[in-house]
């Protein structure tokens, strides 16, 4: 049997709230349903006596009122009503030992009526915390958050990893090897350290494998006796590893966004054998993240995000499509080692790319890198004005780049809008002004919360346009009447209650009280098509009182009526919208399915014929 815990509501079409059991053939066990009532299950542990321990934010599970941590009979899913550890918050780590002991870790402050700083030893029989075993230091002096935990083969020691400075009575930074008996004292010979840790795994010969958070493109191996570093494996610059699991044969399996591990080509996952070799591992499809799209003057599209290939053709984090939808072979060598966050294009067909570094790169139509310019922090928004000046929104504000006499991009030090925090959306408002959105509270010499209109000449804020949203703005569009459609994370804007989507007066910033669709989740992208319809994409599942999974079509007039007949739906977030040469709507994001069709990361709507490029999608 396989037990599943996490965040989900159905399995094989059957309702299952975050906890399920699969039969050996992979199908759902329809007779097993403890039905926790919370929003997630954080951890599972199965002991040798046939008991399943479950943690999460539930208050009832297995037919009993048991909050946050419970013991179930694995065969039936019925909870033990007498086993009540009652932790302060759900443990995120569980490890069942062979001596009727359950170790629990997380960020709680007490459990079973005892003060415990993120780590405790419980009786699997009674649920009571061991009165003596308490290796964590006092929380007031040394906060502890654990992200990894693993027992040695003989169960005499427990490895822990996370964020801490002391453990087991010793100075231990991020890693410790603790006795499972007595008070939980730290092994005095084992002194490995890592300031922050993402994951750990204990494999053959009790060696410890570690993913350091500050460099999560590396996996380390440390000895069981001293904790010294004996080996490390690096991934490519744009890759990262997030998960590790030790197998019974001593192998360690690595999961994450991978295209290389050590010296080997590995997609999605890798295996480290007991002898430290890297045996072959079948490639796994990695869900793409598409952050940005821009339509070119010839009708083609450029797409940016985090992916490695498209339909088996290498295109790393950036892709150009020809007007007919085919992959442009002229851009075969254009790639970025870090995800692409934003794109812009000019009338000549040059494309401006904001990768996950503090700068912007200009690519000519033939795929040649022409010039680049640095900015103070990672950029997330790009826009050009009528004079060809490039505006760059980044984590610390907004900057402008202009052309040097030789035609290269250079920073314009004379233009200062002085935003005091991140700018995540920019849209030109004619030749003289820009709409900017983000999480700033001052810009252009004026107090402006999260949205403003600024001068392209001076960077000063328009004194009359001040919508003052309650939270960040992520996207702008203009309708045929010149109104400003905005999407973001706000619940109020322009003096009105408008949840996540609004239409603002272009002169004053006051919200139209009648055009009020009321989404139930963030809006990341808005687009007004030539036919006048407004399209919105984001994380919402309801808009205008109708079920709409992350994509919707609205009228620009009247009361923002949601089109009742247009409802493709997406299974995950929509981050970007564009129209192609045929005026189809192209959507991009994190999804794997749109409507009834598999579409990995990008799809065209409506699609009268099968998509030429995206049948198999990104990896």
Foldseek 3Di string as FASTA:
>chain_A
DDKFAWADQDDPRHGAGRIFDADPVRHTPPQAHFRFDDRTWQDWDAAPVQKIKTADQGQGTQHERAGGIFIARNVHRHTDNQQHFPWPHHFNDWDDDNPQKIKTFFQTQGTNPGGAQGIFIAGNVRNHTDPQAHFDDDCVVWHDGWQEWDADPVRQKMKTFAATQGTQHGGAAGIFIFGPDGHGHTDPQAHAHANGWQYWEQFPQRWIWTQHPVQQQKIFIAHPGRRDTDDMKGFFLAWGWRDWYYDPQRKIKIATQGQDIHPGGEGGIWIQHNVRDTDDDDHDFDFWFWFEKDAAPQQKMKTFFAFAAFPPQGEGRIWIAHQVRHTDPLQSPDYDSATWQYWDADNQGWIWTQGQFQKIWIAHNSNDTDEMEGHPHRFREWDAAPVGKIWTWHFQGIFIWDQDPVGYTYTDPQAAFPFRGTWREWDDDHRFKIKIFFQTQGTQHGGAGGIFIATPVHNHTDPQAHFRFPGTWAEWDAFPVGWIWTFFQGQGTQNGGAGGIFTADPGRRHTDRQQHWHFPGGWNYWYQFPVRKIKTFFCTQGTNRHGAAGIWIFHPDTRGDTDPVDHFHFPGGWHYWDAGPVRWIKTFGRTQDTRHAGFRGIDTPPDPDPNPTTNPHGD
